Amino acid sequence: MADPFDVLRLPTTPVAPDPRFAAALRARLEEALAPEPPDPDTVPAISLRGGDTVTTTEPTTTHALTPYLAVHDAAAALDWYRDVLGAIETSRFVGDDGRVGHAEITIGGARVMLADEYPEAGVHGPRHFGGTSVTLHLEVVDVDHSFALAVREGAEVEREPSDQFHGNRNALVRDPFGHRWMLNQPIDAVRADAAADADPGDFGDVREYAVTGRRPVEPGYITMRTGDLERARTFFGALFAWEVEPGSLEGGGHIANTRFPMGFFQAEGPAEGGPVTLYFRVDDIEPYAARVEELGGQVLTRNQYPSGGNAECVDDQGFRFDLFQPAPGY
């Protein structure tokens, strides 16, 4: 017999707040969180090329990739992205000619930069080119609400909201400044299957497709052998500003502030295979280990660490390397 509460339970449906309520709440939060304004005499002026002067706020955390938009009216664009997409402005630099030389916003935690057009520097917005080759993908709570708001505020419709076979309901709009946005809302599997049944598209039923092959294997970690970990930390910290933290194994040190993962290992005596160990990151060690031996190489030993498993190998010419399958979270 079905549980009565299960029968009565309704699925959770995300609902966008009333725009007037959202605006009032935003104003209350801004008033409550706004810091005391600084003394204008103590705020430094930053001199930009050409004699422009601006003031700035604290910079936000940087990411590997950040879109930088050029628009024909940056001040209006900043207002539009705030009112329609919920953007939070974090900095704005205005030149003496009134143009926004640089501004930054965050949308859903993602950082976006933008500026006015500077034709003299070859910087043009989409209107200059008659369109854009880039689509900005934005996940929203309610795609129909966001779509209607964007259109009401001047966006051009490229595609109405609709459920898609890939598990999302999305719509395409072009904002008043020429940039294209794909508004996206995840949907459940039942709706995705219904969308696939209704319109399989140009590629047939994608549910029959299978993912084949693997990504090319690339280096996933480098370990540098050292006789004294503390001396290495001091030397390379002074040379490259590396921040070396304790590793997962005794005698190990992980470099915490580089994009490519690297570390040190303290050991005495000559290093077998050289002072550097190259780890190739794989999704499954065993098929690659078997292939090493098929190709004339050798698997020396297998190890299991908190950070994952590895197989110490040499190729058919004696070059020493490791296969590395990271544990979840590494």
C-alpha atoms as a PDB file:
ATOM      1  CA  MET A   1       0.000   0.000   0.000  1.00  0.00           C
ATOM      2  CA  ALA A   2       1.360   3.389  -0.963  1.00  0.00           C
ATOM      3  CA  ASP A   3       2.316   5.789   1.790  1.00  0.00           C
ATOM      4  CA  PRO A   4      -0.352   8.541   1.933  1.00  0.00           C
ATOM      5  CA  PHE A   5       2.307  11.215   2.260  1.00  0.00           C
ATOM      6  CA  ASP A   6       4.077   9.938  -0.865  1.00  0.00           C
ATOM      7  CA  VAL A   7       0.780  10.072  -2.745  1.00  0.00           C
ATOM      8  CA  LEU A   8       0.091  13.622  -1.598  1.00  0.00           C
ATOM      9  CA  ARG A   9       3.638  14.844  -2.151  1.00  0.00           C
ATOM     10  CA  LEU A  10       4.050  17.384  -4.955  1.00  0.00           C
ATOM     11  CA  PRO A  11       7.354  17.852  -6.766  1.00  0.00           C
ATOM     12  CA  THR A  12       9.396  20.869  -5.758  1.00  0.00           C
ATOM     13  CA  THR A  13       9.023  23.519  -8.438  1.00  0.00           C
ATOM     14  CA  PRO A  14      11.418  26.484  -8.395  1.00  0.00           C
ATOM     15  CA  VAL A  15       9.596  29.798  -8.561  1.00  0.00           C
ATOM     16  CA  ALA A  16      11.197  33.130  -9.336  1.00  0.00           C
ATOM     17  CA  PRO A  17      10.337  35.828  -6.766  1.00  0.00           C
ATOM     18  CA  ASP A  18       8.122  38.761  -7.624  1.00  0.00           C
ATOM     19  CA  PRO A  19      10.382  41.420  -9.229  1.00  0.00           C
ATOM     20  CA  ARG A  20       9.082  44.120  -6.873  1.00  0.00           C
ATOM     21  CA  PHE A  21       9.830  41.963  -3.841  1.00  0.00           C
ATOM     22  CA  ALA A  22      13.293  41.140  -5.210  1.00  0.00           C
ATOM     23  CA  ALA A  23      14.045  44.825  -5.812  1.00  0.00           C
ATOM     24  CA  ALA A  24      12.883  45.797  -2.319  1.00  0.00           C
ATOM     25  CA  LEU A  25      14.902  43.001  -0.717  1.00  0.00           C
ATOM     26  CA  ARG A  26      17.988  43.962  -2.707  1.00  0.00           C
ATOM     27  CA  ALA A  27      17.628  47.583  -1.541  1.00  0.00           C
ATOM     28  CA  ARG A  28      17.286  46.497   2.100  1.00  0.00           C
ATOM     29  CA  LEU A  29      20.350  44.258   1.864  1.00  0.00           C
ATOM     30  CA  GLU A  30      22.404  46.952   0.174  1.00  0.00           C
ATOM     31  CA  GLU A  31      21.424  49.433   2.866  1.00  0.00           C
ATOM     32  CA  ALA A  32      22.225  46.978   5.660  1.00  0.00           C
ATOM     33  CA  LEU A  33      25.532  45.793   4.223  1.00  0.00           C
ATOM     34  CA  ALA A  34      26.833  49.038   2.753  1.00  0.00           C
ATOM     35  CA  PRO A  35      30.031  50.129   4.513  1.00  0.00           C
ATOM     36  CA  GLU A  36      30.526  53.634   5.816  1.00  0.00           C
ATOM     37  CA  PRO A  37      31.612  55.822   2.884  1.00  0.00           C
ATOM     38  CA  PRO A  38      35.323  56.637   3.037  1.00  0.00           C
ATOM     39  CA  ASP A  39      36.708  60.137   3.257  1.00  0.00           C
ATOM     40  CA  PRO A  40      37.034  61.280  -0.395  1.00  0.00           C
ATOM     41  CA  ASP A  41      40.395  62.812   0.431  1.00  0.00           C
ATOM     42  CA  THR A  42      41.774  59.387   1.395  1.00  0.00           C
ATOM     43  CA  VAL A  43      40.579  57.467  -1.693  1.00  0.00           C
ATOM     44  CA  PRO A  44      43.482  57.151  -4.139  1.00  0.00           C
ATOM     45  CA  ALA A  45      42.990  58.162  -7.766  1.00  0.00           C
ATOM     46  CA  ILE A  46      44.266  55.731 -10.372  1.00  0.00           C
ATOM     47  CA  SER A  47      45.703  57.351 -13.470  1.00  0.00           C
ATOM     48  CA  LEU A  48      44.932  55.469 -16.642  1.00  0.00           C
ATOM     49  CA  ARG A  49      46.517  55.833 -20.060  1.00  0.00           C
ATOM     50  CA  GLY A  50      45.432  59.094 -21.620  1.00  0.00           C
ATOM     51  CA  GLY A  51      44.942  60.849 -18.291  1.00  0.00           C
ATOM     52  CA  ASP A  52      41.680  59.136 -17.278  1.00  0.00           C
ATOM     53  CA  THR A  53      41.077  58.972 -13.532  1.00  0.00           C
ATOM     54  CA  VAL A  54      38.878  56.521 -11.666  1.00  0.00           C
ATOM     55  CA  THR A  55      38.408  54.974  -8.263  1.00  0.00           C
ATOM     56  CA  THR A  56      38.165  51.240  -7.714  1.00  0.00           C
ATOM     57  CA  THR A  57      36.959  48.610  -5.249  1.00  0.00           C
ATOM     58  CA  GLU A  58      38.699  45.458  -4.070  1.00  0.00           C
ATOM     59  CA  PRO A  59      39.302  42.982  -6.932  1.00  0.00           C
ATOM     60  CA  THR A  60      37.422  39.709  -7.039  1.00  0.00           C
ATOM     61  CA  THR A  61      38.977  36.252  -7.184  1.00  0.00           C
ATOM     62  CA  THR A  62      40.343  35.451 -10.632  1.00  0.00           C
ATOM     63  CA  HIS A  63      39.464  32.378 -12.693  1.00  0.00           C
ATOM     64  CA  ALA A  64      41.271  30.704 -15.548  1.00  0.00           C
ATOM     65  CA  LEU A  65      38.762  31.973 -18.119  1.00  0.00           C
ATOM     66  CA  THR A  66      36.665  35.144 -17.892  1.00  0.00           C
ATOM     67  CA  PRO A  67      34.526  36.565 -20.729  1.00  0.00           C
ATOM     68  CA  TYR A  68      35.240  40.200 -21.613  1.00  0.00           C
ATOM     69  CA  LEU A  69      32.341  41.899 -23.408  1.00  0.00           C
ATOM     70  CA  ALA A  70      32.510  45.042 -25.525  1.00  0.00           C
ATOM     71  CA  VAL A  71      29.259  47.014 -25.785  1.00  0.00           C
ATOM     72  CA  HIS A  72      28.179  50.290 -27.362  1.00  0.00           C
ATOM     73  CA  ASP A  73      26.768  51.649 -24.071  1.00  0.00           C
ATOM     74  CA  ALA A  74      28.468  50.025 -21.092  1.00  0.00           C
ATOM     75  CA  ALA A  75      26.645  52.073 -18.450  1.00  0.00           C
ATOM     76  CA  ALA A  76      23.268  50.991 -19.834  1.00  0.00           C
ATOM     77  CA  ALA A  77      24.509  47.412 -20.203  1.00  0.00           C
ATOM     78  CA  LEU A  78      25.542  47.300 -16.544  1.00  0.00           C
ATOM     79  CA  ASP A  79      22.040  48.410 -15.561  1.00  0.00           C
ATOM     80  CA  TRP A  80      20.420  45.870 -17.906  1.00  0.00           C
ATOM     81  CA  TYR A  81      22.492  42.944 -16.674  1.00  0.00           C
ATOM     82  CA  ARG A  82      21.700  43.954 -13.088  1.00  0.00           C
ATOM     83  CA  ASP A  83      17.953  44.310 -13.580  1.00  0.00           C
ATOM     84  CA  VAL A  84      17.432  41.347 -15.910  1.00  0.00           C
ATOM     85  CA  LEU A  85      20.153  38.817 -15.064  1.00  0.00           C
ATOM     86  CA  GLY A  86      20.740  39.677 -11.417  1.00  0.00           C
ATOM     87  CA  ALA A  87      24.327  40.840 -11.972  1.00  0.00           C
ATOM     88  CA  ILE A  88      26.261  42.357  -9.086  1.00  0.00           C
ATOM     89  CA  GLU A  89      28.641  45.131 -10.100  1.00  0.00           C
ATOM     90  CA  THR A  90      32.020  44.852  -8.364  1.00  0.00           C
ATOM     91  CA  SER A  91      34.055  47.568 -10.086  1.00  0.00           C
ATOM     92  CA  ARG A  92      33.778  50.314 -12.692  1.00  0.00           C
ATOM     93  CA  PHE A  93      36.464  52.532 -14.219  1.00  0.00           C
ATOM     94  CA  VAL A  94      35.176  55.616 -16.045  1.00  0.00           C
ATOM     95  CA  GLY A  95      37.439  57.739 -18.228  1.00  0.00           C
ATOM     96  CA  ASP A  96      37.404  61.502 -18.552  1.00  0.00           C
ATOM     97  CA  ASP A  97      35.503  61.121 -21.838  1.00  0.00           C
ATOM     98  CA  GLY A  98      32.650  59.381 -20.007  1.00  0.00           C
ATOM     99  CA  ARG A  99      33.290  55.940 -21.454  1.00  0.00           C
ATOM    100  CA  VAL A 100      33.548  52.902 -19.203  1.00  0.00           C
ATOM    101  CA  GLY A 101      37.100  51.719 -19.705  1.00  0.00           C
ATOM    102  CA  HIS A 102      36.636  48.610 -17.592  1.00  0.00           C
ATOM    103  CA  ALA A 103      33.926  47.144 -15.371  1.00  0.00           C
ATOM    104  CA  GLU A 104      33.365  43.826 -13.649  1.00  0.00           C
ATOM    105  CA  ILE A 105      30.196  42.040 -12.596  1.00  0.00           C
ATOM    106  CA  THR A 106      29.338  38.652 -11.164  1.00  0.00           C
ATOM    107  CA  ILE A 107      26.349  36.643 -12.358  1.00  0.00           C
ATOM    108  CA  GLY A 108      25.583  33.549 -10.340  1.00  0.00           C
ATOM    109  CA  GLY A 109      29.127  33.584  -9.009  1.00  0.00           C
ATOM    110  CA  ALA A 110      30.697  33.843 -12.479  1.00  0.00           C
ATOM    111  CA  ARG A 111      32.915  36.829 -13.226  1.00  0.00           C
ATOM    112  CA  VAL A 112      32.286  38.881 -16.376  1.00  0.00           C
ATOM    113  CA  MET A 113      34.249  41.915 -17.584  1.00  0.00           C
ATOM    114  CA  LEU A 114      32.939  44.549 -19.968  1.00  0.00           C
ATOM    115  CA  ALA A 115      33.789  47.941 -21.409  1.00  0.00           C
ATOM    116  CA  ASP A 116      32.587  50.507 -23.896  1.00  0.00           C
ATOM    117  CA  GLU A 117      33.698  50.335 -27.506  1.00  0.00           C
ATOM    118  CA  TYR A 118      37.103  51.848 -28.261  1.00  0.00           C
ATOM    119  CA  PRO A 119      37.262  51.959 -32.081  1.00  0.00           C
ATOM    120  CA  GLU A 120      40.618  53.714 -31.937  1.00  0.00           C
ATOM    121  CA  ALA A 121      41.999  50.603 -30.224  1.00  0.00           C
ATOM    122  CA  GLY A 122      40.132  48.127 -32.430  1.00  0.00           C
ATOM    123  CA  VAL A 123      37.589  47.252 -29.706  1.00  0.00           C
ATOM    124  CA  HIS A 124      34.070  46.893 -31.132  1.00  0.00           C
ATOM    125  CA  GLY A 125      30.818  45.445 -29.853  1.00  0.00           C
ATOM    126  CA  PRO A 126      28.548  42.987 -31.698  1.00  0.00           C
ATOM    127  CA  ARG A 127      26.588  45.761 -33.419  1.00  0.00           C
ATOM    128  CA  HIS A 128      29.707  46.822 -35.308  1.00  0.00           C
ATOM    129  CA  PHE A 129      30.030  43.328 -36.790  1.00  0.00           C
ATOM    130  CA  GLY A 130      26.320  42.765 -37.313  1.00  0.00           C
ATOM    131  CA  GLY A 131      26.148  39.871 -34.855  1.00  0.00           C
ATOM    132  CA  THR A 132      28.166  37.693 -32.519  1.00  0.00           C
ATOM    133  CA  SER A 133      29.784  34.271 -32.814  1.00  0.00           C
ATOM    134  CA  VAL A 134      29.633  33.670 -29.044  1.00  0.00           C
ATOM    135  CA  THR A 135      26.758  32.403 -26.895  1.00  0.00           C
ATOM    136  CA  LEU A 136      26.810  32.978 -23.132  1.00  0.00           C
ATOM    137  CA  HIS A 137      25.196  30.081 -21.266  1.00  0.00           C
ATOM    138  CA  LEU A 138      23.398  31.085 -18.051  1.00  0.00           C
ATOM    139  CA  GLU A 139      21.588  28.708 -15.701  1.00  0.00           C
ATOM    140  CA  VAL A 140      18.504  30.283 -14.117  1.00  0.00           C
ATOM    141  CA  VAL A 141      15.830  29.217 -11.632  1.00  0.00           C
ATOM    142  CA  ASP A 142      12.871  29.740 -13.975  1.00  0.00           C
ATOM    143  CA  VAL A 143      13.728  30.050 -17.648  1.00  0.00           C
ATOM    144  CA  ASP A 144      10.243  31.220 -18.637  1.00  0.00           C
ATOM    145  CA  HIS A 145      10.335  34.061 -16.118  1.00  0.00           C
ATOM    146  CA  SER A 146      13.874  35.110 -17.100  1.00  0.00           C
ATOM    147  CA  PHE A 147      12.993  34.919 -20.790  1.00  0.00           C
ATOM    148  CA  ALA A 148       9.853  37.048 -20.376  1.00  0.00           C
ATOM    149  CA  LEU A 149      11.752  39.626 -18.312  1.00  0.00           C
ATOM    150  CA  ALA A 150      14.581  39.845 -20.849  1.00  0.00           C
ATOM    151  CA  VAL A 151      12.159  40.311 -23.751  1.00  0.00           C
ATOM    152  CA  ARG A 152      10.164  42.915 -21.838  1.00  0.00           C
ATOM    153  CA  GLU A 153      13.397  44.829 -21.256  1.00  0.00           C
ATOM    154  CA  GLY A 154      14.344  44.881 -24.930  1.00  0.00           C
ATOM    155  CA  ALA A 155      15.991  41.548 -25.746  1.00  0.00           C
ATOM    156  CA  GLU A 156      15.342  39.996 -29.158  1.00  0.00           C
ATOM    157  CA  VAL A 157      13.875  36.497 -29.262  1.00  0.00           C
ATOM    158  CA  GLU A 158      15.937  33.870 -31.062  1.00  0.00           C
ATOM    159  CA  ARG A 159      14.207  30.812 -29.598  1.00  0.00           C
ATOM    160  CA  GLU A 160      11.234  30.488 -27.263  1.00  0.00           C
ATOM    161  CA  PRO A 161      11.600  28.384 -24.076  1.00  0.00           C
ATOM    162  CA  SER A 162      11.225  24.660 -24.699  1.00  0.00           C
ATOM    163  CA  ASP A 163      12.158  21.358 -23.061  1.00  0.00           C
ATOM    164  CA  GLN A 164      15.168  19.660 -24.642  1.00  0.00           C
ATOM    165  CA  PHE A 165      16.189  16.005 -24.888  1.00  0.00           C
ATOM    166  CA  HIS A 166      19.470  16.714 -23.064  1.00  0.00           C
ATOM    167  CA  GLY A 167      17.689  17.418 -19.779  1.00  0.00           C
ATOM    168  CA  ASN A 168      17.249  21.178 -19.886  1.00  0.00           C
ATOM    169  CA  ARG A 169      14.582  23.710 -20.713  1.00  0.00           C
ATOM    170  CA  ASN A 170      16.212  26.625 -22.456  1.00  0.00           C
ATOM    171  CA  ALA A 171      15.669  29.705 -24.570  1.00  0.00           C
ATOM    172  CA  LEU A 172      17.847  31.976 -26.690  1.00  0.00           C
ATOM    173  CA  VAL A 173      17.758  35.767 -26.557  1.00  0.00           C
ATOM    174  CA  ARG A 174      19.957  38.549 -27.881  1.00  0.00           C
ATOM    175  CA  ASP A 175      20.350  41.396 -25.399  1.00  0.00           C
ATOM    176  CA  PRO A 176      19.968  45.058 -26.489  1.00  0.00           C
ATOM    177  CA  PHE A 177      23.748  45.297 -26.861  1.00  0.00           C
ATOM    178  CA  GLY A 178      24.058  42.423 -29.312  1.00  0.00           C
ATOM    179  CA  HIS A 179      25.226  39.585 -27.071  1.00  0.00           C
ATOM    180  CA  ARG A 180      23.470  36.215 -27.262  1.00  0.00           C
ATOM    181  CA  TRP A 181      22.377  34.436 -24.073  1.00  0.00           C
ATOM    182  CA  MET A 182      21.178  30.865 -23.681  1.00  0.00           C
ATOM    183  CA  LEU A 183      18.958  30.786 -20.608  1.00  0.00           C
ATOM    184  CA  ASN A 184      18.974  27.296 -19.164  1.00  0.00           C
ATOM    185  CA  GLN A 185      16.951  25.447 -16.509  1.00  0.00           C
ATOM    186  CA  PRO A 186      17.541  21.737 -15.689  1.00  0.00           C
ATOM    187  CA  ILE A 187      14.501  19.467 -15.957  1.00  0.00           C
ATOM    188  CA  ASP A 188      13.837  15.923 -14.802  1.00  0.00           C
ATOM    189  CA  ALA A 189      14.329  12.787 -16.888  1.00  0.00           C
ATOM    190  CA  VAL A 190      10.599  12.364 -17.570  1.00  0.00           C
ATOM    191  CA  ARG A 191      10.373  15.759 -19.275  1.00  0.00           C
ATOM    192  CA  ALA A 192      13.642  15.171 -21.137  1.00  0.00           C
ATOM    193  CA  ASP A 193      12.358  11.841 -22.492  1.00  0.00           C
ATOM    194  CA  ALA A 194       9.090  13.469 -23.508  1.00  0.00           C
ATOM    195  CA  ALA A 195      11.040  16.151 -25.382  1.00  0.00           C
ATOM    196  CA  ALA A 196      13.094  13.486 -27.163  1.00  0.00           C
ATOM    197  CA  ASP A 197       9.931  11.602 -28.140  1.00  0.00           C
ATOM    198  CA  ALA A 198       8.285  14.774 -29.421  1.00  0.00           C
ATOM    199  CA  ASP A 199      11.238  16.000 -31.472  1.00  0.00           C
ATOM    200  CA  PRO A 200      14.264  13.735 -31.956  1.00  0.00           C
ATOM    201  CA  GLY A 201      15.947  16.492 -33.958  1.00  0.00           C
ATOM    202  CA  ASP A 202      18.352  16.215 -36.863  1.00  0.00           C
ATOM    203  CA  PHE A 203      20.539  13.580 -35.199  1.00  0.00           C
ATOM    204  CA  GLY A 204      17.906  10.968 -34.460  1.00  0.00           C
ATOM    205  CA  ASP A 205      17.219   9.573 -30.996  1.00  0.00           C
ATOM    206  CA  VAL A 206      20.260  10.624 -28.988  1.00  0.00           C
ATOM    207  CA  ARG A 207      19.323   8.138 -26.259  1.00  0.00           C
ATOM    208  CA  GLU A 208      20.664   5.417 -28.549  1.00  0.00           C
ATOM    209  CA  TYR A 209      24.068   7.079 -28.736  1.00  0.00           C
ATOM    210  CA  ALA A 210      26.981   5.767 -26.691  1.00  0.00           C
ATOM    211  CA  VAL A 211      30.062   7.589 -25.527  1.00  0.00           C
ATOM    212  CA  THR A 212      33.135   5.890 -26.979  1.00  0.00           C
ATOM    213  CA  GLY A 213      36.842   6.425 -26.644  1.00  0.00           C
ATOM    214  CA  ARG A 214      38.800   8.274 -24.000  1.00  0.00           C
ATOM    215  CA  ARG A 215      40.303  11.691 -23.755  1.00  0.00           C
ATOM    216  CA  PRO A 216      44.006  11.858 -24.617  1.00  0.00           C
ATOM    217  CA  VAL A 217      46.077  10.985 -21.570  1.00  0.00           C
ATOM    218  CA  GLU A 218      48.099  13.936 -20.271  1.00  0.00           C
ATOM    219  CA  PRO A 219      50.454  14.556 -17.345  1.00  0.00           C
ATOM    220  CA  GLY A 220      48.503  14.847 -14.111  1.00  0.00           C
ATOM    221  CA  TYR A 221      51.243  15.408 -11.540  1.00  0.00           C
ATOM    222  CA  ILE A 222      54.992  16.015 -11.291  1.00  0.00           C
ATOM    223  CA  THR A 223      57.029  15.021  -8.246  1.00  0.00           C
ATOM    224  CA  MET A 224      60.510  16.508  -7.797  1.00  0.00           C
ATOM    225  CA  ARG A 225      62.949  14.592  -5.648  1.00  0.00           C
ATOM    226  CA  THR A 226      64.844  16.543  -2.977  1.00  0.00           C
ATOM    227  CA  GLY A 227      67.286  15.651  -0.231  1.00  0.00           C
ATOM    228  CA  ASP A 228      65.854  18.230   2.184  1.00  0.00           C
ATOM    229  CA  LEU A 229      62.220  19.233   1.877  1.00  0.00           C
ATOM    230  CA  GLU A 230      62.580  22.282   4.124  1.00  0.00           C
ATOM    231  CA  ARG A 231      65.475  23.648   2.071  1.00  0.00           C
ATOM    232  CA  ALA A 232      63.515  23.061  -1.140  1.00  0.00           C
ATOM    233  CA  ARG A 233      60.524  24.873   0.369  1.00  0.00           C
ATOM    234  CA  THR A 234      62.711  27.830   1.307  1.00  0.00           C
ATOM    235  CA  PHE A 235      64.623  27.952  -1.989  1.00  0.00           C
ATOM    236  CA  PHE A 236      61.697  27.616  -4.392  1.00  0.00           C
ATOM    237  CA  GLY A 237      59.457  29.717  -2.167  1.00  0.00           C
ATOM    238  CA  ALA A 238      61.925  32.567  -2.557  1.00  0.00           C
ATOM    239  CA  LEU A 239      62.535  31.857  -6.257  1.00  0.00           C
ATOM    240  CA  PHE A 240      58.997  31.214  -7.550  1.00  0.00           C
ATOM    241  CA  ALA A 241      56.808  32.176  -4.538  1.00  0.00           C
ATOM    242  CA  TRP A 242      55.654  28.551  -4.327  1.00  0.00           C
ATOM    243  CA  GLU A 243      53.600  27.684  -1.261  1.00  0.00           C
ATOM    244  CA  VAL A 244      54.619  24.162  -0.257  1.00  0.00           C
ATOM    245  CA  GLU A 245      52.188  22.384   2.058  1.00  0.00           C
ATOM    246  CA  PRO A 246      52.592  18.968   3.727  1.00  0.00           C
ATOM    247  CA  GLY A 247      51.790  16.152   1.315  1.00  0.00           C
ATOM    248  CA  SER A 248      49.626  13.107   1.914  1.00  0.00           C
ATOM    249  CA  LEU A 249      52.734  10.970   2.632  1.00  0.00           C
ATOM    250  CA  GLU A 250      55.579  11.503   5.068  1.00  0.00           C
ATOM    251  CA  GLY A 251      58.388  13.360   3.321  1.00  0.00           C
ATOM    252  CA  GLY A 252      56.052  14.788   0.697  1.00  0.00           C
ATOM    253  CA  GLY A 253      55.214  18.397  -0.036  1.00  0.00           C
ATOM    254  CA  HIS A 254      52.443  19.663  -2.332  1.00  0.00           C
ATOM    255  CA  ILE A 255      52.780  23.022  -4.124  1.00  0.00           C
ATOM    256  CA  ALA A 256      49.452  24.653  -3.372  1.00  0.00           C
ATOM    257  CA  ASN A 257      49.468  27.789  -5.526  1.00  0.00           C
ATOM    258  CA  THR A 258      50.302  26.515  -9.027  1.00  0.00           C
ATOM    259  CA  ARG A 259      47.683  25.611 -11.606  1.00  0.00           C
ATOM    260  CA  PHE A 260      49.511  22.480 -12.690  1.00  0.00           C
ATOM    261  CA  PRO A 261      49.716  20.046  -9.741  1.00  0.00           C
ATOM    262  CA  MET A 262      53.294  19.514  -8.553  1.00  0.00           C
ATOM    263  CA  GLY A 263      55.109  18.530  -5.401  1.00  0.00           C
ATOM    264  CA  PHE A 264      58.333  17.417  -3.734  1.00  0.00           C
ATOM    265  CA  PHE A 265      59.399  14.145  -2.164  1.00  0.00           C
ATOM    266  CA  GLN A 266      62.271  13.966   0.299  1.00  0.00           C
ATOM    267  CA  ALA A 267      64.521  10.945  -0.147  1.00  0.00           C
ATOM    268  CA  GLU A 268      68.154  10.070   0.358  1.00  0.00           C
ATOM    269  CA  GLY A 269      70.484   8.568  -2.216  1.00  0.00           C
ATOM    270  CA  PRO A 270      70.392   8.654  -6.013  1.00  0.00           C
ATOM    271  CA  ALA A 271      67.004   8.818  -7.662  1.00  0.00           C
ATOM    272  CA  GLU A 272      65.981   5.879  -9.809  1.00  0.00           C
ATOM    273  CA  GLY A 273      64.855   7.163 -13.182  1.00  0.00           C
ATOM    274  CA  GLY A 274      65.965  10.725 -12.513  1.00  0.00           C
ATOM    275  CA  PRO A 275      65.125  13.580 -10.146  1.00  0.00           C
ATOM    276  CA  VAL A 276      61.610  14.086 -11.538  1.00  0.00           C
ATOM    277  CA  THR A 277      58.739  11.594 -11.663  1.00  0.00           C
ATOM    278  CA  LEU A 278      56.060  12.240 -14.269  1.00  0.00           C
ATOM    279  CA  TYR A 279      52.566  10.978 -13.434  1.00  0.00           C
ATOM    280  CA  PHE A 280      50.138  10.387 -16.303  1.00  0.00           C
ATOM    281  CA  ARG A 281      46.545  10.761 -15.122  1.00  0.00           C
ATOM    282  CA  VAL A 282      44.255   7.965 -16.364  1.00  0.00           C
ATOM    283  CA  ASP A 283      40.668   6.977 -15.644  1.00  0.00           C
ATOM    284  CA  ASP A 284      41.530   3.287 -15.127  1.00  0.00           C
ATOM    285  CA  ILE A 285      45.042   2.020 -14.417  1.00  0.00           C
ATOM    286  CA  GLU A 286      44.662  -1.634 -15.396  1.00  0.00           C
ATOM    287  CA  PRO A 287      43.997  -1.311 -19.161  1.00  0.00           C
ATOM    288  CA  TYR A 288      46.952   1.039 -19.507  1.00  0.00           C
ATOM    289  CA  ALA A 289      49.207  -1.116 -17.343  1.00  0.00           C
ATOM    290  CA  ALA A 290      48.415  -4.125 -19.515  1.00  0.00           C
ATOM    291  CA  ARG A 291      49.106  -2.083 -22.630  1.00  0.00           C
ATOM    292  CA  VAL A 292      52.494  -0.978 -21.245  1.00  0.00           C
ATOM    293  CA  GLU A 293      53.612  -4.610 -21.077  1.00  0.00           C
ATOM    294  CA  GLU A 294      52.094  -5.461 -24.466  1.00  0.00           C
ATOM    295  CA  LEU A 295      54.221  -2.694 -25.991  1.00  0.00           C
ATOM    296  CA  GLY A 296      57.447  -3.970 -24.438  1.00  0.00           C
ATOM    297  CA  GLY A 297      57.475  -1.848 -21.302  1.00  0.00           C
ATOM    298  CA  GLN A 298      57.319  -3.049 -17.732  1.00  0.00           C
ATOM    299  CA  VAL A 299      55.097  -2.432 -14.723  1.00  0.00           C
ATOM    300  CA  LEU A 300      57.443  -2.339 -11.739  1.00  0.00           C
ATOM    301  CA  THR A 301      54.938  -2.133  -8.901  1.00  0.00           C
ATOM    302  CA  ARG A 302      51.473  -0.943  -7.971  1.00  0.00           C
ATOM    303  CA  ASN A 303      50.656   1.297  -5.003  1.00  0.00           C
ATOM    304  CA  GLN A 304      47.540   2.588  -3.319  1.00  0.00           C
ATOM    305  CA  TYR A 305      47.570   5.922  -1.464  1.00  0.00           C
ATOM    306  CA  PRO A 306      44.863   8.157   0.036  1.00  0.00           C
ATOM    307  CA  SER A 307      45.215  10.325  -3.080  1.00  0.00           C
ATOM    308  CA  GLY A 308      44.636   7.359  -5.405  1.00  0.00           C
ATOM    309  CA  GLY A 309      46.374   4.422  -7.029  1.00  0.00           C
ATOM    310  CA  ASN A 310      49.456   4.391  -9.200  1.00  0.00           C
ATOM    311  CA  ALA A 311      51.541   1.962 -11.228  1.00  0.00           C
ATOM    312  CA  GLU A 312      55.287   2.549 -11.500  1.00  0.00           C
ATOM    313  CA  CYS A 313      56.350   1.801 -15.074  1.00  0.00           C
ATOM    314  CA  VAL A 314      59.192   1.986 -17.581  1.00  0.00           C
ATOM    315  CA  ASP A 315      58.743   2.153 -21.334  1.00  0.00           C
ATOM    316  CA  ASP A 316      60.558  -0.056 -23.866  1.00  0.00           C
ATOM    317  CA  GLN A 317      63.600   2.254 -23.681  1.00  0.00           C
ATOM    318  CA  GLY A 318      63.818   2.393 -19.898  1.00  0.00           C
ATOM    319  CA  PHE A 319      62.125   5.778 -19.366  1.00  0.00           C
ATOM    320  CA  ARG A 320      60.560   5.856 -15.911  1.00  0.00           C
ATOM    321  CA  PHE A 321      56.973   7.143 -15.477  1.00  0.00           C
ATOM    322  CA  ASP A 322      53.875   6.481 -13.383  1.00  0.00           C
ATOM    323  CA  LEU A 323      50.244   5.852 -14.224  1.00  0.00           C
ATOM    324  CA  PHE A 324      48.027   7.697 -11.752  1.00  0.00           C
ATOM    325  CA  GLN A 325      44.314   7.217 -11.066  1.00  0.00           C
ATOM    326  CA  PRO A 326      43.246   9.877  -8.537  1.00  0.00           C
ATOM    327  CA  ALA A 327      40.828   9.096  -5.750  1.00  0.00           C
ATOM    328  CA  PRO A 328      37.537  11.036  -5.700  1.00  0.00           C
ATOM    329  CA  GLY A 329      38.186  14.614  -4.673  1.00  0.00           C
ATOM    330  CA  TYR A 330      41.788  14.723  -5.904  1.00  0.00           C
END
